[in-house]
Protein backbone atom coordinates (compact mmCIF):
# COMPACT_ATOMS: atom_id res chain seq x y z
CA UNK A 1 -24.05 4.22 -15.17
CA UNK A 2 -22.99 1.48 -17.63
CA UNK A 3 -22.64 -1.92 -15.85
CA UNK A 4 -19.27 -3.28 -15.44
CA UNK A 5 -18.74 -6.93 -17.26
CA UNK A 6 -15.78 -8.86 -16.42
CA UNK A 7 -12.73 -9.23 -18.81
CA UNK A 8 -12.99 -11.47 -21.44
CA UNK A 9 -9.23 -11.47 -21.51
CA UNK A 10 -8.21 -12.54 -17.95
CA UNK A 11 -6.02 -16.16 -18.35
CA UNK A 12 -5.34 -16.49 -22.14
CA UNK A 13 -1.95 -17.79 -23.97
CA UNK A 14 0.54 -16.67 -26.73
CA UNK A 15 -1.96 -17.19 -29.49
CA UNK A 16 -4.15 -14.29 -28.04
CA UNK A 17 -1.50 -11.65 -28.77
CA UNK A 18 -2.00 -9.60 -31.96
CA UNK A 19 0.97 -8.55 -34.10
CA UNK A 20 -1.19 -6.07 -35.63
CA UNK A 21 -2.35 -4.31 -32.41
CA UNK A 22 1.25 -4.44 -31.36
CA UNK A 23 2.35 -2.74 -34.46
CA UNK A 24 0.12 -0.03 -34.15
CA UNK A 25 1.14 0.79 -30.53
CA UNK A 26 5.01 0.80 -31.45
CA UNK A 27 4.29 2.65 -34.56
CA UNK A 28 3.33 6.00 -32.69
CA UNK A 29 5.92 8.85 -32.48
CA UNK A 30 7.18 10.76 -29.20
CA UNK A 31 6.28 14.23 -28.80
CA UNK A 32 8.70 16.16 -27.38
CA UNK A 33 6.29 18.52 -26.11
CA UNK A 34 5.22 16.02 -23.22
CA UNK A 35 8.77 16.04 -21.66
CA UNK A 36 9.75 20.03 -21.27
CA UNK A 37 12.61 18.49 -18.97
CA UNK A 38 14.12 16.87 -21.73
CA UNK A 39 16.83 18.13 -23.75
CA UNK A 40 16.30 15.88 -27.09
CA UNK A 41 14.17 12.84 -28.71
CA UNK A 42 16.39 10.46 -30.60
CA UNK A 43 14.85 7.75 -32.60
CA UNK A 44 11.83 7.79 -30.45
CA UNK A 45 13.73 7.94 -26.98
CA UNK A 46 13.66 10.90 -24.63
CA UNK A 47 17.07 12.12 -23.86
CA UNK A 48 17.61 14.17 -20.44
CA UNK A 49 20.71 16.22 -19.97
CA UNK A 50 22.29 14.93 -16.40
CA UNK A 51 23.03 18.24 -14.90
CA UNK A 52 20.12 20.04 -15.75
CA UNK A 53 18.32 17.03 -14.70
CA UNK A 54 20.27 17.62 -11.22
CA UNK A 55 19.20 21.88 -11.44
CA UNK A 56 15.24 20.82 -12.17
CA UNK A 57 15.62 18.47 -9.66
CA UNK A 58 16.09 21.04 -7.08
CA UNK A 59 13.45 23.45 -8.36
CA UNK A 60 10.51 20.97 -8.87
CA UNK A 61 11.03 17.39 -8.08
CA UNK A 62 7.23 16.52 -8.36
CA UNK A 63 7.01 18.15 -11.66
CA UNK A 64 10.18 16.36 -12.87
CA UNK A 65 8.95 12.71 -11.54
CA UNK A 66 5.53 12.81 -12.97
CA UNK A 67 6.96 13.85 -16.44
CA UNK A 68 8.98 10.46 -16.16
CA UNK A 69 6.35 8.33 -14.69
CA UNK A 70 3.79 9.36 -17.67
CA UNK A 71 7.12 8.59 -19.96
CA UNK A 72 7.66 5.51 -18.33
CA UNK A 73 3.77 4.09 -18.37
CA UNK A 74 1.98 6.00 -21.21
CA UNK A 75 5.04 7.17 -23.71
CA UNK A 76 8.22 5.72 -25.32
CA UNK A 77 9.26 3.64 -21.71
CA UNK A 78 12.51 4.27 -22.15
CA UNK A 79 15.00 7.29 -21.34
CA UNK A 80 18.58 8.32 -21.32
CA UNK A 81 20.13 10.52 -18.75
CA UNK A 82 23.07 11.82 -20.72
CA UNK A 83 26.42 12.58 -18.66
CA UNK A 84 24.79 11.34 -15.40
CA UNK A 85 27.94 11.04 -14.44
CA UNK A 86 29.76 14.12 -14.53
CA UNK A 87 33.11 12.75 -13.01
CA UNK A 88 34.25 9.83 -14.87
CA UNK A 89 36.81 8.89 -12.73
CA UNK A 90 33.87 7.70 -10.28
CA UNK A 91 32.55 5.26 -12.74
CA UNK A 92 36.62 4.08 -13.84
CA UNK A 93 37.42 3.39 -10.37
CA UNK A 94 34.41 1.23 -10.15
CA UNK A 95 35.08 -0.64 -13.06
CA UNK A 96 38.37 -1.32 -11.67
CA UNK A 97 36.35 -2.99 -8.64
CA UNK A 98 34.55 -4.61 -11.18
CA UNK A 99 37.53 -6.04 -12.83
CA UNK A 100 39.05 -7.35 -9.82
CA UNK A 101 35.55 -9.32 -9.23
CA UNK A 102 35.88 -11.11 -12.48
CA UNK A 103 39.83 -12.12 -11.67
CA UNK A 104 38.92 -13.38 -7.92
CA UNK A 105 36.03 -15.27 -10.09
CA UNK A 106 38.24 -16.74 -12.40
CA UNK A 107 40.68 -17.77 -9.77
CA UNK A 108 37.56 -20.00 -8.33
CA UNK A 109 36.29 -21.26 -11.89
CA UNK A 110 33.12 -19.09 -11.94
CA UNK A 111 32.39 -17.81 -15.67
CA UNK A 112 29.28 -16.54 -15.71
CA UNK A 113 27.22 -15.71 -19.29
CA UNK A 114 23.91 -14.44 -20.03
CA UNK A 115 22.13 -15.02 -22.81
CA UNK A 116 24.84 -15.82 -24.71
CA UNK A 117 27.35 -18.64 -25.74
CA UNK A 118 30.07 -19.50 -23.24
CA UNK A 119 32.64 -16.63 -23.71
CA UNK A 120 30.89 -14.38 -25.61
CA UNK A 121 30.35 -12.20 -22.70
CA UNK A 122 31.10 -12.03 -18.96
CA UNK A 123 28.89 -11.67 -15.72
CA UNK A 124 28.89 -10.71 -12.54
CA UNK A 125 26.14 -11.68 -10.32
CA UNK A 126 25.17 -9.79 -7.25
CA UNK A 127 27.99 -6.94 -8.30
CA UNK A 128 25.93 -4.92 -5.33
CA UNK A 129 26.95 -7.03 -2.46
CA UNK A 130 30.59 -8.04 -4.13
CA UNK A 131 31.80 -4.48 -4.83
CA UNK A 132 30.20 -3.13 -1.29
CA UNK A 133 32.51 -5.51 0.40
CA UNK A 134 35.49 -5.23 -1.64
CA UNK A 135 35.64 -1.30 -1.96
CA UNK A 136 33.24 0.24 0.20
CA UNK A 137 34.98 3.70 -0.58
CA UNK A 138 34.17 3.64 -4.42
CA UNK A 139 30.29 2.03 -3.86
CA UNK A 140 29.60 4.93 -1.54
CA UNK A 141 30.81 7.49 -4.12
CA UNK A 142 29.60 5.45 -7.06
CA UNK A 143 25.75 4.99 -5.52
CA UNK A 144 25.89 8.55 -3.88
CA UNK A 145 24.34 9.54 -7.26
CA UNK A 146 20.92 11.31 -7.02
CA UNK A 147 19.71 10.68 -10.30
CA UNK A 148 19.24 6.88 -10.22
CA UNK A 149 17.14 7.60 -7.26
CA UNK A 150 15.13 10.45 -9.19
CA UNK A 151 14.01 7.99 -11.65
CA UNK A 152 13.31 5.27 -9.30
CA UNK A 153 11.48 7.20 -6.95
CA UNK A 154 9.26 8.57 -10.30
CA UNK A 155 8.38 4.98 -11.38
CA UNK A 156 8.34 2.92 -8.12
CA UNK A 157 7.85 5.49 -5.21
CA UNK A 158 10.21 5.36 -1.73
CA UNK A 159 11.89 2.75 -0.18
CA UNK A 160 12.99 1.04 -3.55
CA UNK A 161 15.77 -1.82 -3.20
CA UNK A 162 18.54 -2.46 -6.05
CA UNK A 163 20.13 -5.70 -6.89
CA UNK A 164 22.89 -5.07 -9.87
CA UNK A 165 24.95 -7.66 -12.09
CA UNK A 166 27.28 -6.32 -14.42
CA UNK A 167 27.78 -7.38 -18.17
CA UNK A 168 30.70 -7.36 -20.67
CA UNK A 169 29.94 -7.74 -23.98
CA UNK A 170 33.30 -8.77 -25.74
CA UNK A 171 34.08 -8.42 -29.41
CA UNK A 172 31.97 -10.47 -31.86
CA UNK A 173 29.40 -11.15 -29.07
CA UNK A 174 26.06 -12.06 -30.84
CA UNK A 175 22.87 -10.06 -30.16
CA UNK A 176 20.09 -11.32 -27.60
CA UNK A 177 16.76 -12.39 -28.73
CA UNK A 178 14.41 -9.64 -28.06
CA UNK A 179 12.82 -10.41 -24.39
CA UNK A 180 10.92 -8.48 -21.65
CA UNK A 181 12.28 -8.70 -17.99
CA UNK A 182 11.81 -9.70 -14.67
CA UNK A 183 9.23 -10.72 -13.18
CA UNK A 184 7.25 -12.14 -15.89
CA UNK A 185 9.53 -12.03 -18.49
CA UNK A 186 12.00 -14.58 -16.67
CA UNK A 187 9.03 -17.16 -16.60
CA UNK A 188 8.44 -19.98 -19.28
CA UNK A 189 5.27 -18.93 -21.64
CA UNK A 190 3.20 -21.93 -20.30
CA UNK A 191 4.09 -20.21 -16.47
CA UNK A 192 3.12 -16.79 -17.64
CA UNK A 193 -0.35 -17.91 -19.09
CA UNK A 194 -1.48 -18.94 -15.56
CA UNK A 195 -1.17 -15.52 -14.58
CA UNK A 196 -4.37 -13.36 -15.08
CA UNK A 197 -3.79 -10.34 -17.07
CA UNK A 198 -4.00 -7.59 -15.14
CA UNK A 199 -0.91 -9.38 -13.25
CA UNK A 200 0.68 -9.05 -16.52
CA UNK A 201 0.20 -5.15 -16.24
CA UNK A 202 1.30 -4.97 -12.40
CA UNK A 203 4.39 -7.20 -13.21
CA UNK A 204 5.68 -3.93 -15.60
CA UNK A 205 4.96 -1.50 -12.03
CA UNK A 206 7.11 -3.31 -9.77
CA UNK A 207 10.42 -3.02 -10.95
CA UNK A 208 12.68 -0.47 -13.26
CA UNK A 209 15.43 -1.10 -15.58
CA UNK A 210 18.59 0.64 -15.50
CA UNK A 211 22.11 0.24 -17.09
CA UNK A 212 25.16 2.68 -16.42
CA UNK A 213 27.35 2.47 -19.15
CA UNK A 214 31.04 1.85 -18.10
CA UNK A 215 32.48 2.41 -21.48
CA UNK A 216 31.89 4.52 -24.54
CA UNK A 217 29.32 2.32 -26.31
CA UNK A 218 29.20 3.39 -30.08
CA UNK A 219 26.54 1.45 -32.23
CA UNK A 220 29.24 -1.02 -33.82
CA UNK A 221 29.63 -2.35 -30.03
CA UNK A 222 25.88 -2.86 -29.84
CA UNK A 223 24.59 -0.96 -27.13
CA UNK A 224 20.86 -1.96 -26.29
CA UNK A 225 18.09 -2.72 -28.96
CA UNK A 226 14.63 -1.02 -27.85
CA UNK A 227 11.27 -1.01 -29.11
CA UNK A 228 9.91 2.12 -27.66
CA UNK A 229 6.06 1.90 -26.90
CA UNK A 230 6.43 -1.84 -26.86
CA UNK A 231 5.87 -1.96 -22.90
CA UNK A 232 2.17 -0.58 -23.25
CA UNK A 233 1.14 -3.93 -25.26
CA UNK A 234 -1.06 -5.97 -22.61
CA UNK A 235 0.35 -9.91 -23.52
CA UNK A 236 3.82 -8.87 -24.00
CA UNK A 237 5.08 -11.14 -21.52
CA UNK A 238 3.09 -13.73 -23.74
CA UNK A 239 4.12 -12.88 -27.19
CA UNK A 240 7.87 -11.97 -27.05
CA UNK A 241 8.85 -15.29 -27.92
CA UNK A 242 6.50 -15.63 -30.75
CA UNK A 243 8.34 -15.53 -34.67
CA UNK A 244 6.31 -12.65 -35.61
CA UNK A 245 6.96 -10.43 -33.00
CA UNK A 246 10.74 -11.29 -33.19
CA UNK A 247 10.20 -10.23 -36.53
CA UNK A 248 8.63 -6.78 -35.84
CA UNK A 249 11.52 -6.25 -33.22
CA UNK A 250 14.36 -6.90 -35.49
CA UNK A 251 13.05 -4.94 -38.26
CA UNK A 252 12.02 -2.11 -36.16
CA UNK A 253 14.16 -1.69 -32.74
CA UNK A 254 16.25 1.10 -32.52
CA UNK A 255 19.88 1.69 -30.99
CA UNK A 256 21.58 4.71 -29.64
CA UNK A 257 25.07 5.46 -28.96
CA UNK A 258 25.87 5.90 -25.61
CA UNK A 259 29.00 7.37 -24.05
CA UNK A 260 30.72 6.21 -20.58
CA UNK A 261 28.56 7.50 -17.36
CA UNK A 262 25.49 7.84 -19.49
CA UNK A 263 22.45 5.75 -18.01
CA UNK A 264 19.52 4.32 -19.71
CA UNK A 265 16.33 3.40 -17.71
CA UNK A 266 13.24 1.52 -19.11
CA UNK A 267 9.73 -0.23 -17.98
CA UNK A 268 10.70 -4.19 -17.59
CA UNK A 269 7.53 -4.78 -20.32
CA UNK A 270 9.66 -3.00 -23.13
CA UNK A 271 11.33 -5.53 -25.72
CA UNK A 272 14.58 -5.09 -25.84
CA UNK A 273 17.80 -7.15 -26.55
CA UNK A 274 21.50 -6.59 -26.48
CA UNK A 275 23.17 -5.71 -29.58
CA UNK A 276 25.86 -7.72 -31.33
CA UNK A 277 29.51 -6.26 -30.65
CA UNK A 278 31.25 -6.14 -34.40
CA UNK A 279 34.03 -4.56 -33.44
CA UNK A 280 37.53 -6.85 -32.90
CA UNK A 281 38.86 -4.74 -30.16
CA UNK A 282 36.33 -2.96 -28.20
CA UNK A 283 34.38 -4.68 -25.19
CA UNK A 284 31.11 -3.18 -23.97
CA UNK A 285 30.69 -2.95 -20.08
CA UNK A 286 27.43 -1.90 -18.07
CA UNK A 287 26.58 -2.34 -14.55
CA UNK A 288 22.78 -3.31 -14.67
CA UNK A 289 20.57 -2.20 -12.10
CA UNK A 290 17.04 -3.94 -11.47
CA UNK A 291 15.18 -1.73 -8.78
CA UNK A 292 12.57 -2.83 -6.95
CA UNK A 293 8.99 -1.68 -5.55
CA UNK A 294 9.09 -2.07 -1.58
CA UNK A 295 5.93 -3.91 -1.56
CA UNK A 296 6.96 -7.47 -3.00
CA UNK A 297 7.34 -8.93 0.28
CA UNK A 298 5.20 -10.86 2.57
CA UNK A 299 3.66 -9.66 6.02
CA UNK A 300 5.62 -12.18 8.43
CA UNK A 301 8.89 -14.12 8.25
CA UNK A 302 7.97 -17.67 7.82
CA UNK A 303 11.06 -20.55 7.80
CA UNK A 304 9.66 -22.42 5.02
CA UNK A 305 12.40 -24.69 5.07
CA UNK A 306 11.76 -25.98 8.39
CA UNK A 307 8.11 -26.43 7.60
CA UNK A 308 9.22 -28.49 4.63
CA UNK A 309 11.10 -30.72 6.94
CA UNK A 310 8.46 -31.06 9.26
CA UNK A 311 5.59 -32.39 6.88
CA UNK A 312 7.64 -34.19 4.27
CA UNK A 313 7.18 -37.52 6.14
CA UNK A 314 3.53 -37.16 6.78
CA UNK A 315 3.34 -35.85 3.13
CA UNK A 316 5.59 -39.03 2.02
CA UNK A 317 2.87 -41.61 3.67
CA UNK A 318 0.12 -39.72 2.37
CA UNK A 319 1.37 -40.42 -1.16
CA UNK A 320 2.32 -43.73 -0.41
CA UNK A 321 -0.99 -44.68 0.91
CA UNK A 322 -2.90 -42.56 -1.84
CA UNK A 323 -5.00 -40.50 0.64
CA UNK A 324 -4.85 -37.51 -1.49
CA UNK A 325 -5.04 -36.61 -5.28
CA UNK A 326 -2.99 -34.58 -6.74
CA UNK A 327 -5.01 -31.33 -6.80
CA UNK A 328 -5.00 -31.80 -3.12
CA UNK A 329 -1.63 -32.35 -2.81
CA UNK A 330 -0.81 -29.63 -4.44
CA UNK A 331 -2.69 -27.17 -2.22
CA UNK A 332 -1.01 -28.28 0.56
CA UNK A 333 2.41 -28.01 -1.40
CA UNK A 334 1.19 -24.13 -2.29
CA UNK A 335 0.97 -23.75 1.33
CA UNK A 336 4.23 -25.13 2.46
CA UNK A 337 7.12 -23.99 -0.01
CA UNK A 338 7.91 -20.76 -1.97
CA UNK A 339 6.74 -21.59 -5.69
CA UNK A 340 8.96 -18.52 -7.01
CA UNK A 341 12.67 -19.10 -7.97
CA UNK A 342 13.84 -15.81 -6.60
CA UNK A 343 15.79 -14.09 -4.73
CA UNK A 344 18.55 -16.41 -5.21
CA UNK A 345 22.00 -16.86 -6.02
CA UNK A 346 22.68 -17.15 -9.57
CA UNK A 347 26.42 -17.83 -9.25
CA UNK A 348 25.34 -21.17 -7.19
CA UNK A 349 21.76 -21.47 -8.38
CA UNK A 350 21.38 -21.02 -12.16
CA UNK A 351 18.21 -21.43 -14.19
CA UNK A 352 17.54 -25.04 -15.30
CA UNK A 353 15.11 -24.33 -17.85
CA UNK A 354 14.12 -21.10 -19.28
CA UNK A 355 15.17 -18.24 -17.17
CA UNK A 356 14.25 -19.26 -13.61
CA UNK A 357 15.86 -22.01 -11.00
CA UNK A 358 13.92 -24.74 -9.44
CA UNK A 359 11.72 -23.33 -7.02
CA UNK A 360 11.22 -25.17 -3.70
CA UNK A 361 7.71 -26.71 -4.59
CA UNK A 362 9.24 -28.04 -7.38
CA UNK A 363 11.51 -30.08 -5.42
CA UNK A 364 8.93 -31.43 -2.91
CA UNK A 365 7.10 -32.54 -5.95
CA UNK A 366 9.80 -33.94 -7.32
CA UNK A 367 10.87 -35.62 -4.14
CA UNK A 368 7.25 -36.79 -3.67
CA UNK A 369 7.06 -38.23 -7.25
CA UNK A 370 10.15 -40.28 -7.04
CA UNK A 371 9.51 -41.14 -3.24
CA UNK A 372 12.51 -39.55 -1.76
CA UNK A 373 13.82 -40.80 1.62
CA UNK A 374 13.44 -38.12 4.43
CA UNK A 375 17.74 -38.21 4.60
CA UNK A 376 17.70 -37.69 0.94
CA UNK A 377 14.97 -34.78 1.03
CA UNK A 378 16.92 -33.31 3.88
CA UNK A 379 20.16 -33.23 2.03
CA UNK A 380 18.08 -31.60 -0.81
CA UNK A 381 16.70 -28.91 1.40
CA UNK A 382 20.14 -28.13 2.69
CA UNK A 383 21.12 -28.07 -0.55
CA UNK A 384 19.00 -25.68 -2.20
CA UNK A 385 19.82 -23.52 1.13
CA UNK A 386 23.22 -23.43 0.05
CA UNK A 387 22.84 -22.40 -3.53
CA UNK A 388 20.74 -19.90 -2.97
CA UNK A 389 22.57 -17.98 -0.31
CA UNK A 390 24.41 -15.13 -1.08
CA UNK A 391 28.12 -15.34 -0.62
CA UNK A 392 30.53 -12.40 0.96
CA UNK A 393 33.22 -11.50 -1.47
CA UNK A 394 35.99 -12.19 1.31
CA UNK A 395 34.63 -16.22 0.92
CA UNK A 396 35.04 -15.93 -2.69
CA UNK A 397 38.33 -14.50 -3.05
CA UNK A 398 39.83 -17.30 -0.79
């Protein structure tokens, strides 16, 4: 047996990404024979018929899920379930719920955008909780669709959890920059480079991206631009901001028209971007589902805010007396506070830089460096708690 040697690509920066390697991966063609339960392949994207898929689910669920898992990992990385909602009235009723949420948030002065200039689109953060509280009946009939669970379990296994955001792109709304998604897709390049490359691969297995079309989306309305097979590139999270990768995406990405009730699923490592809405009178609306694997949770419940408050006076004294250097202090802060921005309430805790809000670790470090008093630090902790707390729709609307 040959010796297993350590990888030489563990901690690398964006300069390690190879555009030729990336281009070769993305030049592959989707083989329809590998996806016998599909109904078509268009522009390398695998299309499934929703009602036929329900029948296949009854006959041989394991075979269907094996096929989809392989598609998302080793294939083009994106699939469309056409006609996933056979009863479009279900979609329309839930769209009406979203419209009521938009109206309530407008009265509160909430106007969230995402990857867009102010006013170019509309965003409802945490549409899952807000819609459940506003209209339980509509929520139940909408999420009773078994096709969402079929694909989610194929990629993530059982016990997955949903978060959802509604995105509306209005006439004239411009295309996004190509990007990858949560987790590492939401971190700065410098932060991504701190993670060993195997964790880049792991990140792609932690979530599944999904978009339910709440309106017909002909190409002129700007449905999502997709680069099939790009999720297979190991260093994609480091590369997507590089000019040569952006240029390759713009030249080779594909768009498919969607109909109301269709659902798109894709690997979070897939290079993608919302397209430009070139119409003058049509808006594009989608419910974006981010489906998370069950395992992304610690073993014990820990009140890290209480720990921070208990330790801050002693930490302040140590900093003032210069008893610990930065390396040692950072080790203590890492043991105390959460160094990750999520989950949070993006209505009230928006990103400060890049795509991620300030972390508790960053706040503690700022407080120590700037010499906050305990009272000022305590108020900062309470403010962070308030910002991150999900708000019930009832409180939002009154």
